[in-house]
Amino acid sequence: MADNQAFYQEVGRRIRDARKKGHLTQEALATKISLTRTTVTNIEKGRQQLLVHTLIEIADALSVAPESLLPERQSPSIDKLLTAESPYTQEWIRRIVDMADRD
């Protein structure tokens, strides 16, 4: 992802929102997953990156799906792709779009 800081801030926000929705304190969540409250704070603020197994443990503790804690990926729009610098890329995109329009 291009902006890792924004990614981890969003993950942290989603964790915080799920924790609050589950009526858990940071301390209670930390105890459930064997972390410190400070670590949970840092994760929620996006200051600390987390490993996949930690994300899964957090999701389990919050009774949510792990993917619900991840930001949605944005696919590039066709307009953005068409403004790609390479004429070769532009030509192939046009062909694909034309083929899709025929169906």
N, C-alpha and C. Protein backbone atom coordinates (compact mmCIF):
# COMPACT_ATOMS: atom_id res chain seq x y z
N MET A 1 0.85 -1.18 0.00
CA MET A 1 0.00 0.00 0.00
C MET A 1 0.89 1.24 0.00
N ALA A 2 0.51 2.23 -0.74
CA ALA A 2 1.34 3.41 -0.91
C ALA A 2 1.54 4.18 0.38
N ASP A 3 0.52 4.32 1.18
CA ASP A 3 0.62 5.11 2.39
C ASP A 3 0.41 4.20 3.60
N ASN A 4 1.49 3.60 4.08
CA ASN A 4 1.39 2.66 5.21
C ASN A 4 0.84 3.31 6.46
N GLN A 5 1.21 4.55 6.74
CA GLN A 5 0.73 5.21 7.95
C GLN A 5 -0.79 5.34 7.92
N ALA A 6 -1.34 5.76 6.81
CA ALA A 6 -2.80 5.89 6.69
C ALA A 6 -3.47 4.53 6.82
N PHE A 7 -2.84 3.49 6.27
CA PHE A 7 -3.38 2.13 6.36
C PHE A 7 -3.49 1.71 7.83
N TYR A 8 -2.40 1.85 8.58
CA TYR A 8 -2.41 1.42 9.97
C TYR A 8 -3.30 2.31 10.85
N GLN A 9 -3.44 3.57 10.50
CA GLN A 9 -4.37 4.43 11.24
C GLN A 9 -5.81 3.95 11.03
N GLU A 10 -6.13 3.55 9.81
CA GLU A 10 -7.48 3.05 9.52
C GLU A 10 -7.71 1.72 10.22
N VAL A 11 -6.73 0.83 10.19
CA VAL A 11 -6.87 -0.44 10.92
C VAL A 11 -7.11 -0.15 12.40
N GLY A 12 -6.32 0.74 12.96
CA GLY A 12 -6.47 1.11 14.36
C GLY A 12 -7.84 1.69 14.68
N ARG A 13 -8.33 2.54 13.78
CA ARG A 13 -9.67 3.12 13.99
C ARG A 13 -10.74 2.04 13.99
N ARG A 14 -10.61 1.09 13.08
CA ARG A 14 -11.59 0.00 13.00
C ARG A 14 -11.52 -0.89 14.24
N ILE A 15 -10.32 -1.14 14.74
CA ILE A 15 -10.17 -1.92 15.97
C ILE A 15 -10.81 -1.17 17.13
N ARG A 16 -10.51 0.12 17.26
CA ARG A 16 -11.09 0.92 18.34
C ARG A 16 -12.61 0.92 18.27
N ASP A 17 -13.17 1.11 17.07
CA ASP A 17 -14.63 1.13 16.92
C ASP A 17 -15.24 -0.21 17.32
N ALA A 18 -14.62 -1.31 16.90
CA ALA A 18 -15.13 -2.64 17.25
C ALA A 18 -15.00 -2.89 18.74
N ARG A 19 -13.92 -2.42 19.33
CA ARG A 19 -13.72 -2.59 20.79
C ARG A 19 -14.79 -1.83 21.56
N LYS A 20 -15.04 -0.59 21.16
CA LYS A 20 -16.06 0.21 21.84
C LYS A 20 -17.46 -0.39 21.64
N LYS A 21 -17.72 -0.87 20.43
CA LYS A 21 -19.02 -1.50 20.16
C LYS A 21 -19.22 -2.73 21.04
N GLY A 22 -18.12 -3.44 21.34
CA GLY A 22 -18.18 -4.60 22.21
C GLY A 22 -18.09 -4.26 23.69
N HIS A 23 -18.08 -2.97 24.00
CA HIS A 23 -18.03 -2.48 25.38
C HIS A 23 -16.82 -3.00 26.14
N LEU A 24 -15.67 -2.99 25.47
CA LEU A 24 -14.41 -3.40 26.11
C LEU A 24 -13.51 -2.18 26.28
N THR A 25 -12.79 -2.17 27.37
CA THR A 25 -11.76 -1.15 27.55
C THR A 25 -10.50 -1.63 26.85
N GLN A 26 -9.57 -0.72 26.66
CA GLN A 26 -8.28 -1.12 26.09
C GLN A 26 -7.61 -2.14 27.00
N GLU A 27 -7.72 -1.95 28.29
CA GLU A 27 -7.13 -2.87 29.26
C GLU A 27 -7.74 -4.27 29.13
N ALA A 28 -9.06 -4.35 28.99
CA ALA A 28 -9.74 -5.65 28.86
C ALA A 28 -9.32 -6.35 27.57
N LEU A 29 -9.24 -5.60 26.47
CA LEU A 29 -8.81 -6.20 25.21
C LEU A 29 -7.36 -6.67 25.33
N ALA A 30 -6.52 -5.85 25.91
CA ALA A 30 -5.11 -6.22 26.07
C ALA A 30 -4.97 -7.51 26.87
N THR A 31 -5.73 -7.65 27.93
CA THR A 31 -5.68 -8.85 28.76
C THR A 31 -6.11 -10.07 27.97
N LYS A 32 -7.17 -9.93 27.16
CA LYS A 32 -7.67 -11.05 26.36
C LYS A 32 -6.66 -11.58 25.37
N ILE A 33 -5.80 -10.71 24.87
CA ILE A 33 -4.86 -11.13 23.82
C ILE A 33 -3.40 -11.08 24.27
N SER A 34 -3.20 -10.97 25.57
CA SER A 34 -1.86 -10.99 26.18
C SER A 34 -0.93 -9.89 25.64
N LEU A 35 -1.47 -8.68 25.55
CA LEU A 35 -0.69 -7.51 25.20
C LEU A 35 -0.82 -6.49 26.33
N THR A 36 -0.04 -5.44 26.27
CA THR A 36 -0.20 -4.37 27.25
C THR A 36 -1.24 -3.37 26.75
N ARG A 37 -1.79 -2.61 27.67
CA ARG A 37 -2.75 -1.57 27.28
C ARG A 37 -2.07 -0.55 26.38
N THR A 38 -0.80 -0.25 26.66
CA THR A 38 -0.06 0.70 25.83
C THR A 38 0.07 0.19 24.40
N THR A 39 0.29 -1.10 24.23
CA THR A 39 0.38 -1.67 22.88
C THR A 39 -0.95 -1.51 22.16
N VAL A 40 -2.05 -1.80 22.85
CA VAL A 40 -3.38 -1.63 22.24
C VAL A 40 -3.59 -0.16 21.85
N THR A 41 -3.20 0.74 22.73
CA THR A 41 -3.32 2.18 22.42
C THR A 41 -2.54 2.52 21.15
N ASN A 42 -1.31 2.04 21.09
CA ASN A 42 -0.47 2.34 19.92
C ASN A 42 -1.02 1.74 18.64
N ILE A 43 -1.59 0.53 18.72
CA ILE A 43 -2.21 -0.09 17.56
C ILE A 43 -3.42 0.74 17.11
N GLU A 44 -4.25 1.13 18.06
CA GLU A 44 -5.45 1.91 17.73
C GLU A 44 -5.11 3.27 17.14
N LYS A 45 -4.00 3.84 17.52
CA LYS A 45 -3.60 5.14 16.98
C LYS A 45 -2.79 5.01 15.69
N GLY A 46 -2.54 3.77 15.26
CA GLY A 46 -1.80 3.54 14.03
C GLY A 46 -0.31 3.74 14.17
N ARG A 47 0.18 3.83 15.41
CA ARG A 47 1.61 4.04 15.64
C ARG A 47 2.39 2.73 15.65
N GLN A 48 1.68 1.63 15.78
CA GLN A 48 2.35 0.34 15.84
C GLN A 48 1.76 -0.60 14.80
N GLN A 49 2.62 -1.17 13.99
CA GLN A 49 2.17 -2.16 13.02
C GLN A 49 1.93 -3.47 13.76
N LEU A 50 1.03 -4.29 13.21
CA LEU A 50 0.75 -5.55 13.88
C LEU A 50 0.89 -6.72 12.92
N LEU A 51 1.26 -7.85 13.47
CA LEU A 51 1.40 -9.06 12.68
C LEU A 51 0.02 -9.66 12.40
N VAL A 52 -0.06 -10.47 11.39
CA VAL A 52 -1.34 -11.06 10.98
C VAL A 52 -1.95 -11.87 12.13
N HIS A 53 -1.14 -12.66 12.83
CA HIS A 53 -1.71 -13.48 13.91
C HIS A 53 -2.26 -12.59 15.03
N THR A 54 -1.67 -11.42 15.24
CA THR A 54 -2.19 -10.50 16.25
C THR A 54 -3.52 -9.91 15.79
N LEU A 55 -3.62 -9.57 14.51
CA LEU A 55 -4.88 -9.07 13.97
C LEU A 55 -5.98 -10.11 14.15
N ILE A 56 -5.66 -11.37 13.91
CA ILE A 56 -6.66 -12.44 14.06
C ILE A 56 -7.05 -12.61 15.52
N GLU A 57 -6.07 -12.52 16.42
CA GLU A 57 -6.38 -12.62 17.86
C GLU A 57 -7.28 -11.47 18.30
N ILE A 58 -6.99 -10.27 17.81
CA ILE A 58 -7.82 -9.11 18.14
C ILE A 58 -9.23 -9.32 17.60
N ALA A 59 -9.35 -9.75 16.37
CA ALA A 59 -10.67 -9.99 15.77
C ALA A 59 -11.44 -11.03 16.58
N ASP A 60 -10.78 -12.12 16.96
CA ASP A 60 -11.44 -13.16 17.77
C ASP A 60 -11.91 -12.59 19.11
N ALA A 61 -11.05 -11.80 19.75
CA ALA A 61 -11.40 -11.20 21.05
C ALA A 61 -12.58 -10.24 20.93
N LEU A 62 -12.70 -9.61 19.76
CA LEU A 62 -13.80 -8.65 19.53
C LEU A 62 -15.01 -9.29 18.87
N SER A 63 -14.90 -10.59 18.55
CA SER A 63 -15.98 -11.33 17.89
C SER A 63 -16.37 -10.70 16.55
N VAL A 64 -15.34 -10.35 15.78
CA VAL A 64 -15.56 -9.80 14.44
C VAL A 64 -14.69 -10.57 13.46
N ALA A 65 -15.01 -10.48 12.19
CA ALA A 65 -14.19 -11.10 11.15
C ALA A 65 -12.91 -10.28 10.98
N PRO A 66 -11.77 -10.93 10.84
CA PRO A 66 -10.52 -10.18 10.67
C PRO A 66 -10.57 -9.19 9.50
N GLU A 67 -11.22 -9.59 8.41
CA GLU A 67 -11.26 -8.69 7.25
C GLU A 67 -12.06 -7.42 7.52
N SER A 68 -12.94 -7.44 8.52
CA SER A 68 -13.69 -6.23 8.85
C SER A 68 -12.80 -5.17 9.49
N LEU A 69 -11.62 -5.58 9.93
CA LEU A 69 -10.69 -4.63 10.55
C LEU A 69 -9.71 -4.03 9.53
N LEU A 70 -9.80 -4.51 8.29
CA LEU A 70 -8.91 -4.02 7.24
C LEU A 70 -9.63 -3.02 6.34
N PRO A 71 -8.93 -1.98 5.92
CA PRO A 71 -9.53 -1.01 4.98
C PRO A 71 -9.84 -1.68 3.65
N GLU A 72 -10.87 -1.19 3.00
CA GLU A 72 -11.21 -1.71 1.68
C GLU A 72 -10.17 -1.21 0.68
N ARG A 73 -9.81 -2.08 -0.24
CA ARG A 73 -8.86 -1.69 -1.28
C ARG A 73 -9.61 -0.97 -2.38
N GLN A 74 -9.00 0.05 -2.87
CA GLN A 74 -9.59 0.82 -3.97
C GLN A 74 -8.95 0.38 -5.27
N SER A 75 -9.77 -0.07 -6.21
CA SER A 75 -9.27 -0.41 -7.53
C SER A 75 -9.15 0.87 -8.34
N PRO A 76 -8.14 0.96 -9.16
CA PRO A 76 -8.02 2.17 -9.97
C PRO A 76 -9.19 2.26 -10.95
N SER A 77 -9.67 3.46 -11.14
CA SER A 77 -10.77 3.65 -12.08
C SER A 77 -10.26 3.52 -13.50
N ILE A 78 -11.16 3.23 -14.41
CA ILE A 78 -10.79 3.10 -15.82
C ILE A 78 -10.22 4.42 -16.34
N ASP A 79 -10.75 5.54 -15.86
CA ASP A 79 -10.23 6.84 -16.28
C ASP A 79 -8.78 7.01 -15.86
N LYS A 80 -8.45 6.56 -14.65
CA LYS A 80 -7.08 6.67 -14.18
C LYS A 80 -6.17 5.77 -15.01
N LEU A 81 -6.65 4.59 -15.32
CA LEU A 81 -5.85 3.68 -16.15
C LEU A 81 -5.64 4.25 -17.55
N LEU A 82 -6.65 4.90 -18.08
CA LEU A 82 -6.54 5.45 -19.43
C LEU A 82 -5.57 6.62 -19.50
N THR A 83 -5.28 7.22 -18.38
CA THR A 83 -4.31 8.32 -18.36
C THR A 83 -2.90 7.80 -18.08
N ALA A 84 -2.74 6.48 -18.07
CA ALA A 84 -1.41 5.90 -17.88
C ALA A 84 -0.47 6.44 -18.95
N GLU A 85 0.78 6.55 -18.60
CA GLU A 85 1.76 7.15 -19.50
C GLU A 85 2.03 6.31 -20.75
N SER A 86 1.96 5.01 -20.62
CA SER A 86 2.34 4.15 -21.73
C SER A 86 1.21 4.05 -22.76
N PRO A 87 1.47 4.44 -24.01
CA PRO A 87 0.47 4.29 -25.07
C PRO A 87 0.10 2.82 -25.28
N TYR A 88 1.06 1.93 -25.07
CA TYR A 88 0.82 0.49 -25.19
C TYR A 88 -0.24 0.05 -24.17
N THR A 89 -0.10 0.52 -22.94
CA THR A 89 -1.07 0.20 -21.89
C THR A 89 -2.43 0.77 -22.24
N GLN A 90 -2.47 2.00 -22.70
CA GLN A 90 -3.73 2.64 -23.07
C GLN A 90 -4.44 1.85 -24.16
N GLU A 91 -3.69 1.40 -25.16
CA GLU A 91 -4.29 0.66 -26.27
C GLU A 91 -4.90 -0.65 -25.78
N TRP A 92 -4.20 -1.37 -24.93
CA TRP A 92 -4.74 -2.63 -24.42
C TRP A 92 -5.96 -2.41 -23.54
N ILE A 93 -5.97 -1.35 -22.77
CA ILE A 93 -7.14 -1.05 -21.94
C ILE A 93 -8.33 -0.74 -22.83
N ARG A 94 -8.12 0.04 -23.87
CA ARG A 94 -9.22 0.37 -24.80
C ARG A 94 -9.78 -0.90 -25.43
N ARG A 95 -8.89 -1.82 -25.83
CA ARG A 95 -9.36 -3.07 -26.44
C ARG A 95 -10.19 -3.89 -25.46
N ILE A 96 -9.74 -3.96 -24.24
CA ILE A 96 -10.47 -4.73 -23.22
C ILE A 96 -11.84 -4.10 -22.97
N VAL A 97 -11.87 -2.78 -22.84
CA VAL A 97 -13.14 -2.09 -22.61
C VAL A 97 -14.07 -2.30 -23.80
N ASP A 98 -13.55 -2.21 -25.02
CA ASP A 98 -14.37 -2.43 -26.22
C ASP A 98 -14.94 -3.84 -26.22
N MET A 99 -14.14 -4.83 -25.87
CA MET A 99 -14.61 -6.22 -25.84
C MET A 99 -15.70 -6.39 -24.78
N ALA A 100 -15.54 -5.75 -23.66
CA ALA A 100 -16.53 -5.85 -22.59
C ALA A 100 -17.84 -5.18 -22.98
N ASP A 101 -17.75 -4.08 -23.73
CA ASP A 101 -18.94 -3.37 -24.17
C ASP A 101 -19.75 -4.17 -25.19
N ARG A 102 -19.08 -5.05 -25.93
CA ARG A 102 -19.76 -5.85 -26.96
C ARG A 102 -20.62 -6.95 -26.35
N ASP A 103 -20.29 -7.38 -25.16
CA ASP A 103 -21.04 -8.49 -24.53
C ASP A 103 -22.40 -8.10 -24.04
